[in-house]
Amino acid sequence: MEITTKPSTTIINKTGSWRTNRPKFIYDKCPACAICPRVCPEGVIYQTNQINTLGKLPYDCDLDYCKGCGLCAQECPFKAIEMELDEK
């Protein structure tokens, strides 16, 4: 069996139209705890430069590369990430 892609190459392989769910980051609930980028298997979650109502720089993700697995929403103890239907 031949492997056609190298591990950790998500950032060069955009997500196609097959994703069914996508994360919605709720900036004003995010305390910038950095749990979500640590659990994201694709490494596409980044800290924004917008200060929220908590005085923090919340997180968001690059939807071009997000696979919609939902781990970020599942692990967020602040409910600052919700999964929603991706209507591409």
PDB file of N, CA and C in Angstrom:
ATOM      1  N   MET A   1       0.849  -1.180   0.000  1.00  0.00           N
ATOM      2  CA  MET A   1       0.000   0.000   0.000  1.00  0.00           C
ATOM      3  C   MET A   1       0.891   1.239   0.000  1.00  0.00           C
ATOM      4  N   GLU A   2       0.596   2.166  -0.866  1.00  0.00           N
ATOM      5  CA  GLU A   2       1.367   3.396  -0.960  1.00  0.00           C
ATOM      6  C   GLU A   2       0.580   4.552  -0.338  1.00  0.00           C
ATOM      7  N   ILE A   3       1.250   5.337   0.495  1.00  0.00           N
ATOM      8  CA  ILE A   3       0.625   6.513   1.092  1.00  0.00           C
ATOM      9  C   ILE A   3       0.842   7.683   0.145  1.00  0.00           C
ATOM     10  N   THR A   4      -0.241   8.371  -0.195  1.00  0.00           N
ATOM     11  CA  THR A   4      -0.135   9.432  -1.197  1.00  0.00           C
ATOM     12  C   THR A   4       0.110  10.815  -0.616  1.00  0.00           C
ATOM     13  N   THR A   5      -0.174  11.008   0.673  1.00  0.00           N
ATOM     14  CA  THR A   5       0.106  12.301   1.291  1.00  0.00           C
ATOM     15  C   THR A   5       0.937  12.090   2.542  1.00  0.00           C
ATOM     16  N   LYS A   6       1.760  13.051   2.842  1.00  0.00           N
ATOM     17  CA  LYS A   6       2.589  12.989   4.036  1.00  0.00           C
ATOM     18  C   LYS A   6       1.765  13.411   5.245  1.00  0.00           C
ATOM     19  N   PRO A   7       2.116  12.906   6.428  1.00  0.00           N
ATOM     20  CA  PRO A   7       1.411  13.362   7.627  1.00  0.00           C
ATOM     21  C   PRO A   7       1.606  14.856   7.841  1.00  0.00           C
ATOM     22  N   SER A   8       0.630  15.479   8.488  1.00  0.00           N
ATOM     23  CA  SER A   8       0.694  16.901   8.839  1.00  0.00           C
ATOM     24  C   SER A   8       0.793  17.822   7.627  1.00  0.00           C
ATOM     25  N   THR A   9       0.122  17.472   6.547  1.00  0.00           N
ATOM     26  CA  THR A   9       0.130  18.332   5.368  1.00  0.00           C
ATOM     27  C   THR A   9      -1.223  18.997   5.151  1.00  0.00           C
ATOM     28  N   THR A  10      -2.051  19.024   6.180  1.00  0.00           N
ATOM     29  CA  THR A  10      -3.382  19.607   6.067  1.00  0.00           C
ATOM     30  C   THR A  10      -3.340  21.025   5.550  1.00  0.00           C
ATOM     31  N   ILE A  11      -2.393  21.785   5.994  1.00  0.00           N
ATOM     32  CA  ILE A  11      -2.320  23.198   5.651  1.00  0.00           C
ATOM     33  C   ILE A  11      -2.114  23.421   4.146  1.00  0.00           C
ATOM     34  N   ILE A  12      -1.716  22.386   3.426  1.00  0.00           N
ATOM     35  CA  ILE A  12      -1.598  22.539   1.971  1.00  0.00           C
ATOM     36  C   ILE A  12      -2.714  21.803   1.229  1.00  0.00           C
ATOM     37  N   ASN A  13      -3.594  21.133   1.972  1.00  0.00           N
ATOM     38  CA  ASN A  13      -4.706  20.388   1.366  1.00  0.00           C
ATOM     39  C   ASN A  13      -6.025  20.967   1.852  1.00  0.00           C
ATOM     40  N   LYS A  14      -6.646  21.793   1.045  1.00  0.00           N
ATOM     41  CA  LYS A  14      -7.911  22.408   1.434  1.00  0.00           C
ATOM     42  C   LYS A  14      -9.015  21.364   1.573  1.00  0.00           C
ATOM     43  N   THR A  15      -9.943  21.665   2.483  1.00  0.00           N
ATOM     44  CA  THR A  15     -11.101  20.805   2.694  1.00  0.00           C
ATOM     45  C   THR A  15     -12.035  20.955   1.502  1.00  0.00           C
ATOM     46  N   GLY A  16     -12.529  19.847   1.019  1.00  0.00           N
ATOM     47  CA  GLY A  16     -13.459  19.884  -0.103  1.00  0.00           C
ATOM     48  C   GLY A  16     -14.876  20.149   0.368  1.00  0.00           C
ATOM     49  N   SER A  17     -15.822  19.838  -0.470  1.00  0.00           N
ATOM     50  CA  SER A  17     -17.226  20.093  -0.151  1.00  0.00           C
ATOM     51  C   SER A  17     -17.831  18.977   0.695  1.00  0.00           C
ATOM     52  N   TRP A  18     -17.043  18.030   1.129  1.00  0.00           N
ATOM     53  CA  TRP A  18     -17.556  16.903   1.902  1.00  0.00           C
ATOM     54  C   TRP A  18     -17.805  17.229   3.372  1.00  0.00           C
ATOM     55  N   ARG A  19     -17.259  18.327   3.894  1.00  0.00           N
ATOM     56  CA  ARG A  19     -17.457  18.660   5.310  1.00  0.00           C
ATOM     57  C   ARG A  19     -18.941  18.932   5.558  1.00  0.00           C
ATOM     58  N   THR A  20     -19.509  18.352   6.615  1.00  0.00           N
ATOM     59  CA  THR A  20     -20.927  18.545   6.910  1.00  0.00           C
ATOM     60  C   THR A  20     -21.160  19.541   8.048  1.00  0.00           C
ATOM     61  N   ASN A  21     -20.223  19.642   8.971  1.00  0.00           N
ATOM     62  CA  ASN A  21     -20.348  20.569  10.091  1.00  0.00           C
ATOM     63  C   ASN A  21     -19.117  21.460  10.168  1.00  0.00           C
ATOM     64  N   ARG A  22     -19.316  22.628  10.761  1.00  0.00           N
ATOM     65  CA  ARG A  22     -18.208  23.559  10.908  1.00  0.00           C
ATOM     66  C   ARG A  22     -18.327  24.248  12.257  1.00  0.00           C
ATOM     67  N   PRO A  23     -17.192  24.635  12.836  1.00  0.00           N
ATOM     68  CA  PRO A  23     -17.252  25.317  14.122  1.00  0.00           C
ATOM     69  C   PRO A  23     -17.608  26.790  13.967  1.00  0.00           C
ATOM     70  N   LYS A  24     -18.379  27.281  14.919  1.00  0.00           N
ATOM     71  CA  LYS A  24     -18.682  28.707  14.998  1.00  0.00           C
ATOM     72  C   LYS A  24     -18.085  29.189  16.315  1.00  0.00           C
ATOM     73  N   PHE A  25     -17.118  30.071  16.239  1.00  0.00           N
ATOM     74  CA  PHE A  25     -16.434  30.583  17.420  1.00  0.00           C
ATOM     75  C   PHE A  25     -17.191  31.799  17.947  1.00  0.00           C
ATOM     76  N   ILE A  26     -17.568  31.751  19.210  1.00  0.00           N
ATOM     77  CA  ILE A  26     -18.300  32.841  19.846  1.00  0.00           C
ATOM     78  C   ILE A  26     -17.283  33.668  20.634  1.00  0.00           C
ATOM     79  N   TYR A  27     -16.822  34.730  20.000  1.00  0.00           N
ATOM     80  CA  TYR A  27     -15.711  35.518  20.531  1.00  0.00           C
ATOM     81  C   TYR A  27     -15.924  35.985  21.970  1.00  0.00           C
ATOM     82  N   ASP A  28     -17.118  36.458  22.296  1.00  0.00           N
ATOM     83  CA  ASP A  28     -17.328  37.038  23.620  1.00  0.00           C
ATOM     84  C   ASP A  28     -17.416  36.021  24.751  1.00  0.00           C
ATOM     85  N   LYS A  29     -17.391  34.750  24.434  1.00  0.00           N
ATOM     86  CA  LYS A  29     -17.339  33.711  25.458  1.00  0.00           C
ATOM     87  C   LYS A  29     -15.930  33.153  25.630  1.00  0.00           C
ATOM     88  N   CYS A  30     -15.043  33.503  24.723  1.00  0.00           N
ATOM     89  CA  CYS A  30     -13.700  32.917  24.695  1.00  0.00           C
ATOM     90  C   CYS A  30     -12.744  33.637  25.653  1.00  0.00           C
ATOM     91  N   PRO A  31     -12.224  32.908  26.670  1.00  0.00           N
ATOM     92  CA  PRO A  31     -11.256  33.511  27.588  1.00  0.00           C
ATOM     93  C   PRO A  31      -9.803  33.318  27.126  1.00  0.00           C
ATOM     94  N   ALA A  32      -9.627  32.849  25.903  1.00  0.00           N
ATOM     95  CA  ALA A  32      -8.293  32.629  25.329  1.00  0.00           C
ATOM     96  C   ALA A  32      -7.480  31.629  26.143  1.00  0.00           C
ATOM     97  N   CYS A  33      -8.114  30.523  26.519  1.00  0.00           N
ATOM     98  CA  CYS A  33      -7.447  29.505  27.337  1.00  0.00           C
ATOM     99  C   CYS A  33      -6.489  28.624  26.539  1.00  0.00           C
ATOM    100  N   ALA A  34      -6.617  28.619  25.230  1.00  0.00           N
ATOM    101  CA  ALA A  34      -5.737  27.873  24.313  1.00  0.00           C
ATOM    102  C   ALA A  34      -5.952  26.362  24.335  1.00  0.00           C
ATOM    103  N   ILE A  35      -7.109  25.907  24.786  1.00  0.00           N
ATOM    104  CA  ILE A  35      -7.407  24.476  24.712  1.00  0.00           C
ATOM    105  C   ILE A  35      -7.681  24.072  23.265  1.00  0.00           C
ATOM    106  N   CYS A  36      -8.485  24.867  22.559  1.00  0.00           N
ATOM    107  CA  CYS A  36      -8.894  24.490  21.199  1.00  0.00           C
ATOM    108  C   CYS A  36      -7.720  24.298  20.231  1.00  0.00           C
ATOM    109  N   PRO A  37      -6.726  25.183  20.188  1.00  0.00           N
ATOM    110  CA  PRO A  37      -5.643  24.915  19.245  1.00  0.00           C
ATOM    111  C   PRO A  37      -4.818  23.682  19.613  1.00  0.00           C
ATOM    112  N   ARG A  38      -4.811  23.344  20.890  1.00  0.00           N
ATOM    113  CA  ARG A  38      -4.057  22.154  21.309  1.00  0.00           C
ATOM    114  C   ARG A  38      -4.759  20.860  20.937  1.00  0.00           C
ATOM    115  N   VAL A  39      -6.099  20.876  20.862  1.00  0.00           N
ATOM    116  CA  VAL A  39      -6.819  19.639  20.527  1.00  0.00           C
ATOM    117  C   VAL A  39      -7.129  19.509  19.037  1.00  0.00           C
ATOM    118  N   CYS A  40      -6.946  20.560  18.287  1.00  0.00           N
ATOM    119  CA  CYS A  40      -7.255  20.512  16.847  1.00  0.00           C
ATOM    120  C   CYS A  40      -6.249  19.610  16.125  1.00  0.00           C
ATOM    121  N   PRO A  41      -6.732  18.499  15.554  1.00  0.00           N
ATOM    122  CA  PRO A  41      -5.807  17.599  14.867  1.00  0.00           C
ATOM    123  C   PRO A  41      -5.263  18.175  13.554  1.00  0.00           C
ATOM    124  N   GLU A  42      -5.900  19.212  13.040  1.00  0.00           N
ATOM    125  CA  GLU A  42      -5.473  19.802  11.775  1.00  0.00           C
ATOM    126  C   GLU A  42      -4.586  21.030  11.960  1.00  0.00           C
ATOM    127  N   GLY A  43      -4.527  21.565  13.169  1.00  0.00           N
ATOM    128  CA  GLY A  43      -3.670  22.730  13.428  1.00  0.00           C
ATOM    129  C   GLY A  43      -4.135  23.993  12.734  1.00  0.00           C
ATOM    130  N   VAL A  44      -5.449  24.188  12.624  1.00  0.00           N
ATOM    131  CA  VAL A  44      -5.966  25.336  11.876  1.00  0.00           C
ATOM    132  C   VAL A  44      -6.613  26.401  12.759  1.00  0.00           C
ATOM    133  N   ILE A  45      -6.497  26.257  14.078  1.00  0.00           N
ATOM    134  CA  ILE A  45      -7.077  27.234  14.993  1.00  0.00           C
ATOM    135  C   ILE A  45      -6.000  28.246  15.376  1.00  0.00           C
ATOM    136  N   TYR A  46      -6.362  29.510  15.306  1.00  0.00           N
ATOM    137  CA  TYR A  46      -5.404  30.585  15.566  1.00  0.00           C
ATOM    138  C   TYR A  46      -6.038  31.657  16.460  1.00  0.00           C
ATOM    139  N   GLN A  47      -5.183  32.430  17.102  1.00  0.00           N
ATOM    140  CA  GLN A  47      -5.662  33.521  17.945  1.00  0.00           C
ATOM    141  C   GLN A  47      -5.858  34.763  17.084  1.00  0.00           C
ATOM    142  N   THR A  48      -7.013  35.408  17.264  1.00  0.00           N
ATOM    143  CA  THR A  48      -7.324  36.606  16.485  1.00  0.00           C
ATOM    144  C   THR A  48      -6.623  37.820  17.094  1.00  0.00           C
ATOM    145  N   ASN A  49      -6.757  38.943  16.454  1.00  0.00           N
ATOM    146  CA  ASN A  49      -6.201  40.187  17.006  1.00  0.00           C
ATOM    147  C   ASN A  49      -7.307  41.146  17.435  1.00  0.00           C
ATOM    148  N   GLN A  50      -8.529  40.614  17.630  1.00  0.00           N
ATOM    149  CA  GLN A  50      -9.667  41.403  18.071  1.00  0.00           C
ATOM    150  C   GLN A  50      -9.888  41.186  19.564  1.00  0.00           C
ATOM    151  N   ILE A  51      -9.864  42.218  20.352  1.00  0.00           N
ATOM    152  CA  ILE A  51     -10.119  42.087  21.783  1.00  0.00           C
ATOM    153  C   ILE A  51     -11.619  41.917  21.999  1.00  0.00           C
ATOM    154  N   ASN A  52     -11.988  40.887  22.772  1.00  0.00           N
ATOM    155  CA  ASN A  52     -13.410  40.630  23.031  1.00  0.00           C
ATOM    156  C   ASN A  52     -13.867  41.347  24.306  1.00  0.00           C
ATOM    157  N   THR A  53     -15.109  41.113  24.713  1.00  0.00           N
ATOM    158  CA  THR A  53     -15.663  41.794  25.892  1.00  0.00           C
ATOM    159  C   THR A  53     -15.004  41.336  27.190  1.00  0.00           C
ATOM    160  N   LEU A  54     -14.264  40.232  27.138  1.00  0.00           N
ATOM    161  CA  LEU A  54     -13.521  39.756  28.303  1.00  0.00           C
ATOM    162  C   LEU A  54     -12.121  40.359  28.362  1.00  0.00           C
ATOM    163  N   GLY A  55     -11.802  41.186  27.352  1.00  0.00           N
ATOM    164  CA  GLY A  55     -10.474  41.780  27.286  1.00  0.00           C
ATOM    165  C   GLY A  55      -9.410  40.816  26.788  1.00  0.00           C
ATOM    166  N   LYS A  56      -9.825  39.754  26.122  1.00  0.00           N
ATOM    167  CA  LYS A  56      -8.917  38.715  25.625  1.00  0.00           C
ATOM    168  C   LYS A  56      -8.909  38.700  24.101  1.00  0.00           C
ATOM    169  N   LEU A  57      -7.906  38.028  23.553  1.00  0.00           N
ATOM    170  CA  LEU A  57      -7.821  37.810  22.111  1.00  0.00           C
ATOM    171  C   LEU A  57      -8.363  36.410  21.830  1.00  0.00           C
ATOM    172  N   PRO A  58      -9.602  36.302  21.355  1.00  0.00           N
ATOM    173  CA  PRO A  58     -10.230  34.991  21.165  1.00  0.00           C
ATOM    174  C   PRO A  58      -9.633  34.212  19.994  1.00  0.00           C
ATOM    175  N   TYR A  59     -10.030  32.964  19.918  1.00  0.00           N
ATOM    176  CA  TYR A  59      -9.571  32.077  18.855  1.00  0.00           C
ATOM    177  C   TYR A  59     -10.608  31.958  17.746  1.00  0.00           C
ATOM    178  N   ASP A  60     -10.146  31.543  16.584  1.00  0.00           N
ATOM    179  CA  ASP A  60     -10.979  31.270  15.418  1.00  0.00           C
ATOM    180  C   ASP A  60     -10.259  30.194  14.620  1.00  0.00           C
ATOM    181  N   CYS A  61     -10.830  29.781  13.497  1.00  0.00           N
ATOM    182  CA  CYS A  61     -10.150  28.772  12.687  1.00  0.00           C
ATOM    183  C   CYS A  61     -10.235  29.111  11.211  1.00  0.00           C
ATOM    184  N   ASP A  62      -9.327  28.536  10.477  1.00  0.00           N
ATOM    185  CA  ASP A  62      -9.293  28.705   9.032  1.00  0.00           C
ATOM    186  C   ASP A  62     -10.214  27.655   8.425  1.00  0.00           C
ATOM    187  N   LEU A  63     -11.395  28.079   8.021  1.00  0.00           N
ATOM    188  CA  LEU A  63     -12.398  27.148   7.511  1.00  0.00           C
ATOM    189  C   LEU A  63     -12.008  26.512   6.178  1.00  0.00           C
ATOM    190  N   ASP A  64     -11.045  27.090   5.487  1.00  0.00           N
ATOM    191  CA  ASP A  64     -10.583  26.467   4.246  1.00  0.00           C
ATOM    192  C   ASP A  64      -9.934  25.115   4.514  1.00  0.00           C
ATOM    193  N   TYR A  65      -9.405  24.930   5.732  1.00  0.00           N
ATOM    194  CA  TYR A  65      -8.673  23.715   6.062  1.00  0.00           C
ATOM    195  C   TYR A  65      -9.303  22.895   7.183  1.00  0.00           C
ATOM    196  N   CYS A  66     -10.278  23.452   7.892  1.00  0.00           N
ATOM    197  CA  CYS A  66     -10.976  22.744   8.972  1.00  0.00           C
ATOM    198  C   CYS A  66     -11.772  21.583   8.390  1.00  0.00           C
ATOM    199  N   LYS A  67     -11.672  20.424   9.026  1.00  0.00           N
ATOM    200  CA  LYS A  67     -12.387  19.235   8.553  1.00  0.00           C
ATOM    201  C   LYS A  67     -13.732  19.056   9.245  1.00  0.00           C
ATOM    202  N   GLY A  68     -14.022  19.869  10.274  1.00  0.00           N
ATOM    203  CA  GLY A  68     -15.317  19.805  10.946  1.00  0.00           C
ATOM    204  C   GLY A  68     -15.464  18.657  11.918  1.00  0.00           C
ATOM    205  N   CYS A  69     -14.370  18.204  12.509  1.00  0.00           N
ATOM    206  CA  CYS A  69     -14.434  17.051  13.408  1.00  0.00           C
ATOM    207  C   CYS A  69     -15.159  17.359  14.716  1.00  0.00           C
ATOM    208  N   GLY A  70     -15.135  18.622  15.162  1.00  0.00           N
ATOM    209  CA  GLY A  70     -15.846  19.010  16.365  1.00  0.00           C
ATOM    210  C   GLY A  70     -15.090  18.856  17.669  1.00  0.00           C
ATOM    211  N   LEU A  71     -13.841  18.435  17.612  1.00  0.00           N
ATOM    212  CA  LEU A  71     -13.074  18.283  18.851  1.00  0.00           C
ATOM    213  C   LEU A  71     -12.929  19.603  19.605  1.00  0.00           C
ATOM    214  N   CYS A  72     -12.771  20.684  18.894  1.00  0.00           N
ATOM    215  CA  CYS A  72     -12.627  21.994  19.537  1.00  0.00           C
ATOM    216  C   CYS A  72     -13.872  22.332  20.355  1.00  0.00           C
ATOM    217  N   ALA A  73     -15.044  22.133  19.777  1.00  0.00           N
ATOM    218  CA  ALA A  73     -16.304  22.428  20.468  1.00  0.00           C
ATOM    219  C   ALA A  73     -16.525  21.471  21.632  1.00  0.00           C
ATOM    220  N   GLN A  74     -16.186  20.229  21.430  1.00  0.00           N
ATOM    221  CA  GLN A  74     -16.357  19.217  22.471  1.00  0.00           C
ATOM    222  C   GLN A  74     -15.486  19.510  23.688  1.00  0.00           C
ATOM    223  N   GLU A  75     -14.288  19.995  23.469  1.00  0.00           N
ATOM    224  CA  GLU A  75     -13.343  20.206  24.567  1.00  0.00           C
ATOM    225  C   GLU A  75     -13.397  21.600  25.187  1.00  0.00           C
ATOM    226  N   CYS A  76     -14.120  22.531  24.585  1.00  0.00           N
ATOM    227  CA  CYS A  76     -14.188  23.888  25.115  1.00  0.00           C
ATOM    228  C   CYS A  76     -15.074  23.928  26.365  1.00  0.00           C
ATOM    229  N   PRO A  77     -14.488  24.173  27.551  1.00  0.00           N
ATOM    230  CA  PRO A  77     -15.289  24.197  28.772  1.00  0.00           C
ATOM    231  C   PRO A  77     -16.140  25.458  28.917  1.00  0.00           C
ATOM    232  N   PHE A  78     -15.912  26.430  28.060  1.00  0.00           N
ATOM    233  CA  PHE A  78     -16.623  27.710  28.132  1.00  0.00           C
ATOM    234  C   PHE A  78     -17.761  27.816  27.123  1.00  0.00           C
ATOM    235  N   LYS A  79     -17.970  26.751  26.347  1.00  0.00           N
ATOM    236  CA  LYS A  79     -19.023  26.735  25.314  1.00  0.00           C
ATOM    237  C   LYS A  79     -18.868  27.902  24.342  1.00  0.00           C
ATOM    238  N   ALA A  80     -17.624  28.227  24.027  1.00  0.00           N
ATOM    239  CA  ALA A  80     -17.331  29.329  23.114  1.00  0.00           C
ATOM    240  C   ALA A  80     -17.259  28.871  21.660  1.00  0.00           C
ATOM    241  N   ILE A  81     -17.474  27.579  21.440  1.00  0.00           N
ATOM    242  CA  ILE A  81     -17.459  27.033  20.078  1.00  0.00           C
ATOM    243  C   ILE A  81     -18.685  26.151  19.912  1.00  0.00           C
ATOM    244  N   GLU A  82     -19.450  26.403  18.878  1.00  0.00           N
ATOM    245  CA  GLU A  82     -20.619  25.585  18.559  1.00  0.00           C
ATOM    246  C   GLU A  82     -20.434  25.004  17.171  1.00  0.00           C
ATOM    247  N   MET A  83     -20.879  23.790  16.991  1.00  0.00           N
ATOM    248  CA  MET A  83     -20.839  23.191  15.668  1.00  0.00           C
ATOM    249  C   MET A  83     -22.159  23.496  14.979  1.00  0.00           C
ATOM    250  N   GLU A  84     -22.054  23.900  13.720  1.00  0.00           N
ATOM    251  CA  GLU A  84     -23.249  24.194  12.939  1.00  0.00           C
ATOM    252  C   GLU A  84     -23.146  23.522  11.583  1.00  0.00           C
ATOM    253  N   LEU A  85     -24.279  23.346  10.949  1.00  0.00           N
ATOM    254  CA  LEU A  85     -24.334  22.731   9.636  1.00  0.00           C
ATOM    255  C   LEU A  85     -23.576  23.595   8.633  1.00  0.00           C
ATOM    256  N   ASP A  86     -22.711  22.966   7.861  1.00  0.00           N
ATOM    257  CA  ASP A  86     -21.948  23.686   6.847  1.00  0.00           C
ATOM    258  C   ASP A  86     -22.759  23.687   5.560  1.00  0.00           C
ATOM    259  N   GLU A  87     -23.249  24.836   5.190  1.00  0.00           N
ATOM    260  CA  GLU A  87     -24.099  24.955   4.004  1.00  0.00           C
ATOM    261  C   GLU A  87     -23.314  25.513   2.832  1.00  0.00           C
ATOM    262  N   LYS A  88     -22.356  24.731   2.352  1.00  0.00           N
ATOM    263  CA  LYS A  88     -21.543  25.153   1.210  1.00  0.00           C
ATOM    264  C   LYS A  88     -22.339  25.051  -0.059  1.00  0.00           C
TER     265      LYS A  88
END
